[in-house]
C-alpha atoms as a PDB file:
ATOM      1  CA  MET A   1     236.563  16.918 120.084  1.00  0.00           C
ATOM      2  CA  GLN A   2     240.275  16.827 120.781  1.00  0.00           C
ATOM      3  CA  LYS A   3     241.555  13.911 122.838  1.00  0.00           C
ATOM      4  CA  LYS A   4     243.693  15.009 125.756  1.00  0.00           C
ATOM      5  CA  TYR A   5     244.886  11.607 126.910  1.00  0.00           C
ATOM      6  CA  PRO A   6     248.365  12.713 128.062  1.00  0.00           C
ATOM      7  CA  GLN A   7     246.868  15.335 130.360  1.00  0.00           C
ATOM      8  CA  ALA A   8     244.202  12.933 131.624  1.00  0.00           C
ATOM      9  CA  ILE A   9     246.795  10.232 132.302  1.00  0.00           C
ATOM     10  CA  GLU A  10     248.846  12.710 134.310  1.00  0.00           C
ATOM     11  CA  TYR A  11     245.845  13.563 136.504  1.00  0.00           C
ATOM     12  CA  TYR A  12     244.830   9.924 136.925  1.00  0.00           C
ATOM     13  CA  LYS A  13     248.377   9.015 137.972  1.00  0.00           C
ATOM     14  CA  LYS A  14     248.345  11.741 140.628  1.00  0.00           C
ATOM     15  CA  ALA A  15     245.054  10.393 141.973  1.00  0.00           C
ATOM     16  CA  ALA A  16     246.382   6.816 141.772  1.00  0.00           C
ATOM     17  CA  GLU A  17     249.328   7.797 143.958  1.00  0.00           C
ATOM     18  CA  LYS A  18     246.722   8.635 146.606  1.00  0.00           C
ATOM     19  CA  LYS A  19     245.191   5.144 146.216  1.00  0.00           C
ATOM     20  CA  ASP A  20     242.099   6.309 144.327  1.00  0.00           C
ATOM     21  CA  SER A  21     240.576   3.036 143.106  1.00  0.00           C
ATOM     22  CA  GLY A  22     238.683   4.719 140.260  1.00  0.00           C
ATOM     23  CA  ALA A  23     241.835   6.340 138.943  1.00  0.00           C
ATOM     24  CA  LEU A  24     243.742   3.064 139.155  1.00  0.00           C
ATOM     25  CA  ASN A  25     240.968   1.311 137.257  1.00  0.00           C
ATOM     26  CA  GLN A  26     240.913   3.991 134.564  1.00  0.00           C
ATOM     27  CA  LEU A  27     244.684   3.767 134.131  1.00  0.00           C
ATOM     28  CA  GLY A  28     244.208   0.058 133.554  1.00  0.00           C
ATOM     29  CA  ASN A  29     241.738   0.893 130.793  1.00  0.00           C
ATOM     30  CA  PHE A  30     244.180   3.293 129.158  1.00  0.00           C
ATOM     31  CA  TYR A  31     246.836   0.593 129.025  1.00  0.00           C
ATOM     32  CA  GLN A  32     244.489  -2.213 127.999  1.00  0.00           C
ATOM     33  CA  TRP A  33     243.049  -0.275 125.059  1.00  0.00           C
ATOM     34  CA  GLY A  34     246.014   1.957 124.202  1.00  0.00           C
ATOM     35  CA  TYR A  35     244.375   5.304 124.925  1.00  0.00           C
ATOM     36  CA  GLY A  36     247.224   7.804 124.932  1.00  0.00           C
ATOM     37  CA  VAL A  37     249.787   5.069 125.657  1.00  0.00           C
ATOM     38  CA  GLU A  38     251.074   1.940 123.968  1.00  0.00           C
ATOM     39  CA  ILE A  39     248.962  -1.115 124.732  1.00  0.00           C
ATOM     40  CA  ASP A  40     250.587  -2.820 127.699  1.00  0.00           C
ATOM     41  CA  TYR A  41     248.643  -5.687 129.251  1.00  0.00           C
ATOM     42  CA  GLN A  42     251.092  -6.002 132.120  1.00  0.00           C
ATOM     43  CA  MET A  43     250.528  -2.390 133.141  1.00  0.00           C
ATOM     44  CA  ALA A  44     246.779  -2.824 132.700  1.00  0.00           C
ATOM     45  CA  GLU A  45     246.896  -5.865 134.962  1.00  0.00           C
ATOM     46  CA  LYS A  46     248.932  -3.958 137.556  1.00  0.00           C
ATOM     47  CA  TYR A  47     246.463  -1.072 137.734  1.00  0.00           C
ATOM     48  CA  PHE A  48     243.358  -3.293 137.670  1.00  0.00           C
ATOM     49  CA  GLN A  49     244.837  -5.458 140.429  1.00  0.00           C
ATOM     50  CA  GLN A  50     245.644  -2.464 142.632  1.00  0.00           C
ATOM     51  CA  SER A  51     242.153  -1.084 142.109  1.00  0.00           C
ATOM     52  CA  ALA A  52     240.545  -4.453 142.849  1.00  0.00           C
ATOM     53  CA  GLU A  53     242.578  -4.770 146.052  1.00  0.00           C
ATOM     54  CA  LEU A  54     241.024  -1.471 147.131  1.00  0.00           C
ATOM     55  CA  GLY A  55     237.586  -2.998 146.615  1.00  0.00           C
ATOM     56  CA  ASN A  56     236.616  -1.612 143.218  1.00  0.00           C
ATOM     57  CA  PRO A  57     234.158  -4.155 141.733  1.00  0.00           C
ATOM     58  CA  THR A  58     234.592  -2.778 138.205  1.00  0.00           C
ATOM     59  CA  ALA A  59     238.304  -3.497 138.433  1.00  0.00           C
ATOM     60  CA  TYR A  60     237.524  -7.162 139.117  1.00  0.00           C
ATOM     61  CA  VAL A  61     235.396  -7.266 135.974  1.00  0.00           C
ATOM     62  CA  ASN A  62     238.093  -5.499 133.947  1.00  0.00           C
ATOM     63  CA  LEU A  63     240.773  -7.824 135.276  1.00  0.00           C
ATOM     64  CA  SER A  64     238.667 -10.835 134.330  1.00  0.00           C
ATOM     65  CA  PHE A  65     238.041  -9.382 130.880  1.00  0.00           C
ATOM     66  CA  LEU A  66     241.762  -8.775 130.439  1.00  0.00           C
ATOM     67  CA  TYR A  67     242.582 -12.377 131.334  1.00  0.00           C
ATOM     68  CA  MET A  68     239.802 -13.759 129.151  1.00  0.00           C
ATOM     69  CA  ASN A  69     240.941 -11.787 126.111  1.00  0.00           C
ATOM     70  CA  CYS A  70     244.631 -12.265 126.719  1.00  0.00           C
ATOM     71  CA  PHE A  71     244.241 -16.028 126.978  1.00  0.00           C
ATOM     72  CA  ASN A  72     241.712 -16.381 124.153  1.00  0.00           C
ATOM     73  CA  GLY A  73     242.940 -19.039 121.757  1.00  0.00           C
ATOM     74  CA  ILE A  74     246.165 -19.734 123.649  1.00  0.00           C
ATOM     75  CA  LYS A  75     246.720 -23.435 124.216  1.00  0.00           C
ATOM     76  CA  ASN A  76     250.329 -23.479 125.343  1.00  0.00           C
ATOM     77  CA  LYS A  77     250.968 -22.882 129.078  1.00  0.00           C
ATOM     78  CA  ASP A  78     254.157 -20.931 128.294  1.00  0.00           C
ATOM     79  CA  GLU A  79     252.195 -18.555 126.049  1.00  0.00           C
ATOM     80  CA  ILE A  80     249.696 -17.926 128.861  1.00  0.00           C
ATOM     81  CA  ILE A  81     252.479 -17.170 131.340  1.00  0.00           C
ATOM     82  CA  GLY A  82     254.174 -14.919 128.776  1.00  0.00           C
ATOM     83  CA  CYS A  83     250.947 -13.008 128.307  1.00  0.00           C
ATOM     84  CA  ILE A  84     250.967 -11.742 131.898  1.00  0.00           C
ATOM     85  CA  GLN A  85     254.668 -11.461 132.602  1.00  0.00           C
END
């Protein structure tokens, strides 16, 4: 099965422009896991946050998971801040 991430991302972005919380959440997944894009935790956070603000409960879980994994093993406050900036 051929992966068509670029095409999917294009469609999700169009839906996200219309404030579709599911599309915003899925874009966060693409960026968190690097599906069709470079891994970018800041972009993942942005999309999860927008989706959560629209009331998507899965986005809250994904945002929490992102923070938990991003901060795992980090002891220095500056490293934590750098992880989300």
